[in-house]
C-alpha cells in the first residue's frame, strides 16, 4: 500500500483501511480515479430535460456516453452490479456505489460506503440534494442531473 493518501497526500499507515485525515477508503477491489475539472465544456453538451415533471441522470462523460436514466418515486440503486437500476459497468465504480431517492419533492443522492465516493460539482459528498445541472462523478462516469 502507498505511504501517502492518493487524495490528500498525507501520511497513512500500512494497516489503515481509510485515510485518517480525509476518510478516503484505501482497501478494496475498486480501482482509483481522479476527479475531473468542470471547466472543459461539459455544460455545453448537456441535453434538455424531457418535461418539467421528469428527473433524469444522463451520462455526459465516460463509458455508455449519452445513456439517460429516468428517476421516479422509488429508490434507484447505482453501481457496477448488473442488478442495479443504474448499471455503470466500470472497475472505478463499486458494486453498490450509491442510491438516489425522492425526498420532499426533490431527489437526494447518498453514497453507499463506496470506494471512490460521490463527487458533485467536484465536491466529495456522502449525501446531497440534487439541483438541476449538477454534475455527479461516480468513478469514471459523469452524470448530468436534470429536472
C-alpha atoms as a PDB file:
ATOM      1  CA  UNK A   1       0.000   0.000   0.000  1.00  0.00           C
ATOM      2  CA  UNK A   2       1.123   3.592  -0.592  1.00  0.00           C
ATOM      3  CA  UNK A   3       2.751   5.644   2.157  1.00  0.00           C
ATOM      4  CA  UNK A   4       0.518   8.632   1.383  1.00  0.00           C
ATOM      5  CA  UNK A   5      -3.187   9.031   0.700  1.00  0.00           C
ATOM      6  CA  UNK A   6      -3.845   9.368  -3.059  1.00  0.00           C
ATOM      7  CA  UNK A   7      -6.365  12.142  -2.361  1.00  0.00           C
ATOM      8  CA  UNK A   8      -4.999  14.410   0.391  1.00  0.00           C
ATOM      9  CA  UNK A   9      -1.335  13.285   0.114  1.00  0.00           C
ATOM     10  CA  UNK A  10      -0.949  12.936   3.903  1.00  0.00           C
ATOM     11  CA  UNK A  11       0.898  10.062   5.546  1.00  0.00           C
ATOM     12  CA  UNK A  12      -1.021   6.820   6.137  1.00  0.00           C
ATOM     13  CA  UNK A  13      -0.123   3.646   7.975  1.00  0.00           C
ATOM     14  CA  UNK A  14       0.333   0.275   6.257  1.00  0.00           C
ATOM     15  CA  UNK A  15      -2.724  -1.185   8.045  1.00  0.00           C
ATOM     16  CA  UNK A  16      -5.068   1.791   7.544  1.00  0.00           C
ATOM     17  CA  UNK A  17      -8.325   0.888   5.793  1.00  0.00           C
ATOM     18  CA  UNK A  18      -9.058   4.550   5.170  1.00  0.00           C
ATOM     19  CA  UNK A  19      -7.132   7.799   5.368  1.00  0.00           C
ATOM     20  CA  UNK A  20      -7.255   9.133   8.950  1.00  0.00           C
ATOM     21  CA  UNK A  21      -7.260  12.689   7.540  1.00  0.00           C
ATOM     22  CA  UNK A  22      -9.774  12.785   4.672  1.00  0.00           C
ATOM     23  CA  UNK A  23     -11.555   9.415   5.088  1.00  0.00           C
ATOM     24  CA  UNK A  24     -10.690   8.094   1.603  1.00  0.00           C
ATOM     25  CA  UNK A  25     -11.238   4.324   1.574  1.00  0.00           C
ATOM     26  CA  UNK A  26      -7.917   2.628   0.838  1.00  0.00           C
ATOM     27  CA  UNK A  27      -8.845  -1.044   0.646  1.00  0.00           C
ATOM     28  CA  UNK A  28     -10.982  -2.957  -1.822  1.00  0.00           C
ATOM     29  CA  UNK A  29     -11.036  -4.139  -5.405  1.00  0.00           C
ATOM     30  CA  UNK A  30     -12.417  -0.975  -6.994  1.00  0.00           C
ATOM     31  CA  UNK A  31      -9.856   0.988  -8.988  1.00  0.00           C
ATOM     32  CA  UNK A  32      -8.837   4.529  -8.087  1.00  0.00           C
ATOM     33  CA  UNK A  33      -9.893   7.537 -10.146  1.00  0.00           C
ATOM     34  CA  UNK A  34      -9.169  11.264 -10.129  1.00  0.00           C
ATOM     35  CA  UNK A  35     -11.925  13.917 -10.040  1.00  0.00           C
ATOM     36  CA  UNK A  36     -12.325  15.758 -13.328  1.00  0.00           C
ATOM     37  CA  UNK A  37     -12.252  19.504 -13.829  1.00  0.00           C
ATOM     38  CA  UNK A  38     -15.559  21.042 -14.805  1.00  0.00           C
ATOM     39  CA  UNK A  39     -14.163  23.902 -16.883  1.00  0.00           C
ATOM     40  CA  UNK A  40     -13.823  21.898 -20.108  1.00  0.00           C
ATOM     41  CA  UNK A  41     -17.194  22.493 -21.780  1.00  0.00           C
ATOM     42  CA  UNK A  42     -19.252  19.713 -20.164  1.00  0.00           C
ATOM     43  CA  UNK A  43     -22.169  22.061 -19.624  1.00  0.00           C
ATOM     44  CA  UNK A  44     -22.328  22.913 -23.346  1.00  0.00           C
ATOM     45  CA  UNK A  45     -23.175  19.324 -24.293  1.00  0.00           C
ATOM     46  CA  UNK A  46     -25.978  18.813 -21.781  1.00  0.00           C
ATOM     47  CA  UNK A  47     -29.294  17.530 -23.062  1.00  0.00           C
ATOM     48  CA  UNK A  48     -32.546  19.233 -22.087  1.00  0.00           C
ATOM     49  CA  UNK A  49     -34.960  17.662 -19.607  1.00  0.00           C
ATOM     50  CA  UNK A  50     -37.903  15.886 -21.241  1.00  0.00           C
ATOM     51  CA  UNK A  51     -40.588  17.609 -19.165  1.00  0.00           C
ATOM     52  CA  UNK A  52     -40.700  19.797 -16.087  1.00  0.00           C
ATOM     53  CA  UNK A  53     -42.044  16.811 -14.125  1.00  0.00           C
ATOM     54  CA  UNK A  54     -39.294  14.358 -15.048  1.00  0.00           C
ATOM     55  CA  UNK A  55     -35.891  13.923 -13.471  1.00  0.00           C
ATOM     56  CA  UNK A  56     -33.039  12.293 -15.327  1.00  0.00           C
ATOM     57  CA  UNK A  57     -29.418  11.324 -14.994  1.00  0.00           C
ATOM     58  CA  UNK A  58     -27.571  11.423 -18.321  1.00  0.00           C
ATOM     59  CA  UNK A  59     -24.059  10.086 -18.811  1.00  0.00           C
ATOM     60  CA  UNK A  60     -22.077  13.002 -20.261  1.00  0.00           C
ATOM     61  CA  UNK A  61     -18.589  11.523 -19.843  1.00  0.00           C
ATOM     62  CA  UNK A  62     -17.237   8.016 -19.653  1.00  0.00           C
ATOM     63  CA  UNK A  63     -18.403   4.648 -20.899  1.00  0.00           C
ATOM     64  CA  UNK A  64     -22.056   4.470 -22.014  1.00  0.00           C
ATOM     65  CA  UNK A  65     -21.962   8.154 -23.102  1.00  0.00           C
ATOM     66  CA  UNK A  66     -25.452   9.541 -23.778  1.00  0.00           C
ATOM     67  CA  UNK A  67     -27.350   6.918 -21.772  1.00  0.00           C
ATOM     68  CA  UNK A  68     -30.315   8.517 -19.971  1.00  0.00           C
ATOM     69  CA  UNK A  69     -31.799   7.125 -16.768  1.00  0.00           C
ATOM     70  CA  UNK A  70     -35.209   8.317 -15.568  1.00  0.00           C
ATOM     71  CA  UNK A  71     -35.762   8.842 -11.859  1.00  0.00           C
ATOM     72  CA  UNK A  72     -39.179   8.266 -10.332  1.00  0.00           C
ATOM     73  CA  UNK A  73     -40.867   7.788  -6.965  1.00  0.00           C
ATOM     74  CA  UNK A  74     -38.740   4.812  -5.905  1.00  0.00           C
ATOM     75  CA  UNK A  75     -35.193   4.338  -4.665  1.00  0.00           C
ATOM     76  CA  UNK A  76     -32.763   3.778  -7.551  1.00  0.00           C
ATOM     77  CA  UNK A  77     -29.548   1.889  -6.924  1.00  0.00           C
ATOM     78  CA  UNK A  78     -26.329   2.873  -8.728  1.00  0.00           C
ATOM     79  CA  UNK A  79     -23.368   0.568  -9.131  1.00  0.00           C
ATOM     80  CA  UNK A  80     -21.296  -1.973 -11.020  1.00  0.00           C
ATOM     81  CA  UNK A  81     -23.639  -4.828 -10.080  1.00  0.00           C
ATOM     82  CA  UNK A  82     -25.833  -5.646 -13.114  1.00  0.00           C
ATOM     83  CA  UNK A  83     -28.810  -5.827 -10.737  1.00  0.00           C
ATOM     84  CA  UNK A  84     -28.519  -2.075 -10.020  1.00  0.00           C
ATOM     85  CA  UNK A  85     -31.170   0.212 -11.514  1.00  0.00           C
ATOM     86  CA  UNK A  86     -28.379   2.410 -12.908  1.00  0.00           C
ATOM     87  CA  UNK A  87     -25.705  -0.024 -14.051  1.00  0.00           C
ATOM     88  CA  UNK A  88     -22.297   1.639 -14.504  1.00  0.00           C
ATOM     89  CA  UNK A  89     -20.020  -1.048 -15.854  1.00  0.00           C
ATOM     90  CA  UNK A  90     -16.509   0.059 -14.929  1.00  0.00           C
ATOM     91  CA  UNK A  91     -13.996  -1.012 -12.268  1.00  0.00           C
ATOM     92  CA  UNK A  92     -13.869   2.538 -10.843  1.00  0.00           C
ATOM     93  CA  UNK A  93     -17.464   2.038  -9.643  1.00  0.00           C
ATOM     94  CA  UNK A  94     -18.266  -0.041  -6.558  1.00  0.00           C
ATOM     95  CA  UNK A  95     -20.767  -2.879  -6.907  1.00  0.00           C
ATOM     96  CA  UNK A  96     -23.244  -0.942  -4.752  1.00  0.00           C
ATOM     97  CA  UNK A  97     -21.973   2.609  -5.108  1.00  0.00           C
ATOM     98  CA  UNK A  98     -24.923   4.890  -4.301  1.00  0.00           C
ATOM     99  CA  UNK A  99     -28.679   5.372  -4.185  1.00  0.00           C
ATOM    100  CA  UNK A 100     -30.911   8.157  -5.499  1.00  0.00           C
ATOM    101  CA  UNK A 101     -34.313   8.653  -3.938  1.00  0.00           C
ATOM    102  CA  UNK A 102     -37.124  11.227  -3.803  1.00  0.00           C
ATOM    103  CA  UNK A 103     -37.486  13.331  -0.680  1.00  0.00           C
ATOM    104  CA  UNK A 104     -39.836  16.268  -0.145  1.00  0.00           C
ATOM    105  CA  UNK A 105     -40.246  16.958  -3.865  1.00  0.00           C
ATOM    106  CA  UNK A 106     -36.524  16.724  -4.613  1.00  0.00           C
ATOM    107  CA  UNK A 107     -34.049  13.956  -5.330  1.00  0.00           C
ATOM    108  CA  UNK A 108     -31.269  13.019  -2.928  1.00  0.00           C
ATOM    109  CA  UNK A 109     -28.139  11.012  -3.723  1.00  0.00           C
ATOM    110  CA  UNK A 110     -26.427   9.018  -0.974  1.00  0.00           C
ATOM    111  CA  UNK A 111     -23.072   7.222  -1.040  1.00  0.00           C
ATOM    112  CA  UNK A 112     -23.295   3.524  -0.111  1.00  0.00           C
ATOM    113  CA  UNK A 113     -19.838   3.402   1.531  1.00  0.00           C
ATOM    114  CA  UNK A 114     -18.254   3.186  -1.918  1.00  0.00           C
ATOM    115  CA  UNK A 115     -14.507   3.024  -2.527  1.00  0.00           C
ATOM    116  CA  UNK A 116     -14.157   6.211  -4.626  1.00  0.00           C
ATOM    117  CA  UNK A 117     -17.102   8.156  -3.225  1.00  0.00           C
ATOM    118  CA  UNK A 118     -19.505  10.527  -4.947  1.00  0.00           C
ATOM    119  CA  UNK A 119     -18.398  13.879  -6.298  1.00  0.00           C
ATOM    120  CA  UNK A 120     -20.941  16.595  -7.093  1.00  0.00           C
ATOM    121  CA  UNK A 121     -19.532  19.574  -8.964  1.00  0.00           C
ATOM    122  CA  UNK A 122     -16.032  18.491  -7.813  1.00  0.00           C
ATOM    123  CA  UNK A 123     -17.004  18.264  -4.122  1.00  0.00           C
ATOM    124  CA  UNK A 124     -16.910  14.898  -2.375  1.00  0.00           C
ATOM    125  CA  UNK A 125     -20.229  14.253  -0.582  1.00  0.00           C
ATOM    126  CA  UNK A 126     -21.808  11.494   1.478  1.00  0.00           C
ATOM    127  CA  UNK A 127     -25.341  12.743   0.726  1.00  0.00           C
ATOM    128  CA  UNK A 128     -26.727  15.729  -1.152  1.00  0.00           C
ATOM    129  CA  UNK A 129     -29.956  17.155  -2.529  1.00  0.00           C
ATOM    130  CA  UNK A 130     -29.570  17.332  -6.301  1.00  0.00           C
ATOM    131  CA  UNK A 131     -30.092  20.558  -8.227  1.00  0.00           C
ATOM    132  CA  UNK A 132     -30.597  20.916 -11.986  1.00  0.00           C
ATOM    133  CA  UNK A 133     -27.288  20.940 -13.902  1.00  0.00           C
ATOM    134  CA  UNK A 134     -25.364  19.175 -11.110  1.00  0.00           C
ATOM    135  CA  UNK A 135     -22.530  17.061 -12.473  1.00  0.00           C
ATOM    136  CA  UNK A 136     -22.239  13.839 -10.464  1.00  0.00           C
ATOM    137  CA  UNK A 137     -18.991  11.925 -10.807  1.00  0.00           C
ATOM    138  CA  UNK A 138     -19.097   8.249  -9.913  1.00  0.00           C
ATOM    139  CA  UNK A 139     -15.825   6.598 -10.820  1.00  0.00           C
ATOM    140  CA  UNK A 140     -15.000   7.376 -14.443  1.00  0.00           C
ATOM    141  CA  UNK A 141     -18.611   8.394 -15.183  1.00  0.00           C
ATOM    142  CA  UNK A 142     -20.016  11.913 -15.130  1.00  0.00           C
ATOM    143  CA  UNK A 143     -23.782  12.148 -14.977  1.00  0.00           C
ATOM    144  CA  UNK A 144     -25.810  15.294 -15.503  1.00  0.00           C
ATOM    145  CA  UNK A 145     -28.845  15.689 -13.253  1.00  0.00           C
ATOM    146  CA  UNK A 146     -31.786  17.471 -14.851  1.00  0.00           C
ATOM    147  CA  UNK A 147     -35.312  18.055 -13.686  1.00  0.00           C
END
